[in-house]
Amino acid sequence: MNSFSRLVLLSICIALCIRGGAFAAQHSVTWDESTDFDSFAKSNTFKVGDKLVFKYSPGLHSVVELSSEKEYSSCDISNAVNSMSAGNDAVKLSKEGTRYFACGTPGHCGQGMKLKVKTVGANAAPTQDSSSKPSSTSASTSPVLKSVTSFVALVVCTVFGFLNFI
C-alpha cells in the first residue's frame, strides 16, 4: 500500500473515532403509573436527533402529545397533536424546544402519568441532575455506544495498519 493510501486510511480511522461521539441516544420510557417521570426528565439530557421510546401495555395505556404547557398542566388531552397506542412507540426529537406527553387513558394524566421533555441542540453538554436518583425508567444512553464505536474503529484501523506493514 502506498503512502497516500495509508494517509487516507489513517484519516478515515481518525474521523471514525471522533465521529463515534455523534450518535443519538434512545431513551426507553417505561410508561406506567409507577414511573417517576419528573426524575426521568431531570436525569437525562435530550438532544436533537434522540428518540423517546414509550413502552407500555396497549389497551391499558396510550401516549398523546400535547401542544402547550397549559394543556400539559391541566391534563387537557382533547386537542392532542399526536396519539399513539401500539405499546412500543418511538418519537424522534427533531428540534430544540419543549414537548409534552400524557397518557390518554382517562384519569392517568391527573395521577402524574405525563412527561415534559426539553430538547437541546445536538452538541449541547449534558445537564443531568446529579442529585437525582435513577428512576425506574431506563435510558439507553449514547456514551456506551460512543465508546464501543470508537473502540471498534480503533481496532479496525490498528489491524489494517498492522497488515499493511507485514
Protein backbone atom coordinates (compact mmCIF):
# COMPACT_ATOMS: atom_id res chain seq x y z
CA MET A 1 0.00 0.00 0.00
CA ASN A 2 1.47 3.38 -0.94
CA SER A 3 1.88 6.33 1.42
CA PHE A 4 -1.14 8.20 0.06
CA SER A 5 -3.44 5.22 0.66
CA ARG A 6 -2.11 4.85 4.19
CA LEU A 7 -2.73 8.55 4.84
CA VAL A 8 -6.31 8.25 3.56
CA LEU A 9 -6.90 5.15 5.71
CA LEU A 10 -5.48 6.89 8.77
CA SER A 11 -7.66 9.95 8.14
CA ILE A 12 -10.77 7.79 7.86
CA CYS A 13 -9.90 5.97 11.08
CA ILE A 14 -9.37 9.22 12.96
CA ALA A 15 -12.67 10.57 11.62
CA LEU A 16 -14.48 7.39 12.75
CA CYS A 17 -13.01 7.66 16.23
CA ILE A 18 -14.05 11.30 16.52
CA ARG A 19 -17.46 10.70 14.92
CA GLY A 20 -18.13 7.91 17.41
CA GLY A 21 -19.42 10.58 19.77
CA ALA A 22 -22.13 11.86 17.46
CA PHE A 23 -24.70 9.07 17.79
CA ALA A 24 -28.18 9.84 19.01
CA ALA A 25 -29.49 8.27 22.19
CA GLN A 26 -32.59 6.18 22.53
CA HIS A 27 -34.42 6.85 25.78
CA SER A 28 -36.73 3.99 26.76
CA VAL A 29 -39.66 5.18 28.84
CA THR A 30 -41.50 2.65 31.00
CA TRP A 31 -44.94 4.19 30.52
CA ASP A 32 -46.90 3.22 33.63
CA GLU A 33 -48.25 4.70 36.87
CA SER A 34 -45.22 3.68 38.96
CA THR A 35 -42.64 5.65 36.96
CA ASP A 36 -41.37 8.99 38.28
CA PHE A 37 -41.44 10.97 35.04
CA ASP A 38 -40.14 14.20 36.59
CA SER A 39 -37.00 12.40 37.80
CA PHE A 40 -36.58 10.75 34.41
CA ALA A 41 -36.76 14.12 32.63
CA LYS A 42 -34.33 15.75 35.08
CA SER A 43 -31.80 12.92 34.98
CA ASN A 44 -31.49 12.74 31.19
CA THR A 45 -30.24 15.13 28.55
CA PHE A 46 -32.45 15.03 25.47
CA LYS A 47 -30.72 16.20 22.30
CA VAL A 48 -31.92 16.87 18.78
CA GLY A 49 -31.86 13.52 16.97
CA ASP A 50 -32.54 11.43 20.09
CA LYS A 51 -35.56 9.15 20.29
CA LEU A 52 -38.05 8.55 23.07
CA VAL A 53 -39.49 5.04 23.04
CA PHE A 54 -42.63 4.64 25.12
CA LYS A 55 -43.07 1.03 26.29
CA TYR A 56 -46.41 0.04 27.79
CA SER A 57 -49.34 -2.38 27.64
CA PRO A 58 -51.57 -1.49 24.67
CA GLY A 59 -55.19 -1.14 25.72
CA LEU A 60 -54.18 -0.19 29.25
CA HIS A 61 -52.30 2.98 28.28
CA SER A 62 -51.65 5.21 25.29
CA VAL A 63 -49.45 8.22 24.62
CA VAL A 64 -50.77 11.57 23.45
CA GLU A 65 -48.61 14.56 22.60
CA LEU A 66 -49.94 17.89 23.77
CA SER A 67 -49.24 21.24 22.15
CA SER A 68 -48.79 23.51 25.17
CA GLU A 69 -47.73 23.84 28.78
CA LYS A 70 -51.31 24.81 29.63
CA GLU A 71 -52.74 21.57 28.19
CA TYR A 72 -49.98 19.61 29.93
CA SER A 73 -50.59 21.25 33.33
CA SER A 74 -54.37 20.79 33.16
CA CYS A 75 -54.18 17.32 31.53
CA ASP A 76 -56.37 18.55 28.67
CA ILE A 77 -55.87 15.79 26.10
CA SER A 78 -58.82 16.83 23.90
CA ASN A 79 -56.61 18.62 21.35
CA ALA A 80 -53.70 16.17 21.17
CA VAL A 81 -51.32 16.79 18.27
CA ASN A 82 -50.35 13.11 18.13
CA SER A 83 -51.78 9.91 19.57
CA MET A 84 -50.05 6.54 19.84
CA SER A 85 -51.36 3.22 21.13
CA ALA A 86 -49.08 0.43 19.87
CA GLY A 87 -47.21 -0.12 23.15
CA ASN A 88 -43.74 0.46 21.71
CA ASP A 89 -43.98 3.95 20.24
CA ALA A 90 -40.92 5.91 19.08
CA VAL A 91 -40.85 9.69 18.93
CA LYS A 92 -37.88 11.42 17.29
CA LEU A 93 -36.81 14.66 18.94
CA SER A 94 -36.19 16.57 15.74
CA LYS A 95 -35.81 20.14 17.00
CA GLU A 96 -34.95 22.15 20.10
CA GLY A 97 -37.76 23.03 22.45
CA THR A 98 -40.17 21.52 24.95
CA ARG A 99 -42.59 18.70 24.15
CA TYR A 100 -45.40 17.42 26.31
CA PHE A 101 -46.71 13.86 26.57
CA ALA A 102 -49.53 12.37 28.64
CA CYS A 103 -51.37 9.08 28.99
CA GLY A 104 -54.60 9.10 27.01
CA THR A 105 -56.39 6.79 29.45
CA PRO A 106 -58.92 8.82 31.47
CA GLY A 107 -57.53 9.81 34.88
CA HIS A 108 -53.96 8.64 34.31
CA CYS A 109 -52.53 12.06 33.43
CA GLY A 110 -54.08 13.55 36.56
CA GLN A 111 -52.33 10.82 38.57
CA GLY A 112 -48.98 12.01 37.19
CA MET A 113 -48.62 9.91 34.07
CA LYS A 114 -47.20 12.71 31.95
CA LEU A 115 -43.77 13.70 30.71
CA LYS A 116 -42.29 17.08 29.77
CA VAL A 117 -39.13 16.82 27.67
CA LYS A 118 -36.83 19.73 26.91
CA THR A 119 -34.73 19.05 23.82
CA VAL A 120 -31.40 20.88 23.44
CA GLY A 121 -29.06 21.19 20.47
CA ALA A 122 -27.19 18.08 19.36
CA ASN A 123 -23.86 19.50 20.59
CA ALA A 124 -25.09 20.69 24.00
CA ALA A 125 -23.29 19.46 27.10
CA PRO A 126 -25.11 17.00 29.38
CA THR A 127 -27.25 18.66 32.04
CA GLN A 128 -28.03 15.70 34.25
CA ASP A 129 -29.29 16.48 37.71
CA SER A 130 -26.63 14.79 39.81
CA SER A 131 -28.80 14.96 42.93
CA SER A 132 -31.48 12.77 41.33
CA LYS A 133 -31.55 9.08 41.96
CA PRO A 134 -32.00 6.92 38.88
CA SER A 135 -35.68 6.28 38.27
CA SER A 136 -37.38 3.08 37.24
CA THR A 137 -37.35 4.44 33.72
CA SER A 138 -34.36 3.30 31.72
CA ALA A 139 -32.47 5.16 29.05
CA SER A 140 -30.08 3.59 26.61
CA THR A 141 -27.57 6.40 26.56
CA SER A 142 -25.13 7.30 23.86
CA PRO A 143 -21.85 7.27 25.88
CA VAL A 144 -21.76 3.47 25.74
CA LEU A 145 -22.44 3.48 22.02
CA LYS A 146 -19.79 6.16 21.55
CA SER A 147 -17.19 4.10 23.39
CA VAL A 148 -17.99 0.88 21.54
CA THR A 149 -17.95 2.61 18.16
CA SER A 150 -14.67 4.35 18.90
CA PHE A 151 -13.11 1.11 20.15
CA VAL A 152 -14.23 -0.85 17.07
CA ALA A 153 -12.93 1.88 14.76
CA LEU A 154 -9.60 1.88 16.60
CA VAL A 155 -9.28 -1.93 16.39
CA VAL A 156 -10.13 -1.97 12.68
CA CYS A 157 -7.61 0.78 11.97
CA THR A 158 -4.92 -0.96 14.01
CA VAL A 159 -5.48 -4.30 12.26
CA PHE A 160 -5.44 -2.72 8.80
CA GLY A 161 -2.38 -0.70 9.68
CA PHE A 162 -0.58 -3.76 11.04
CA LEU A 163 -1.46 -5.88 8.00
CA ASN A 164 -0.14 -3.19 5.66
CA PHE A 165 3.25 -3.23 7.33
CA ILE A 166 3.66 -7.03 7.18
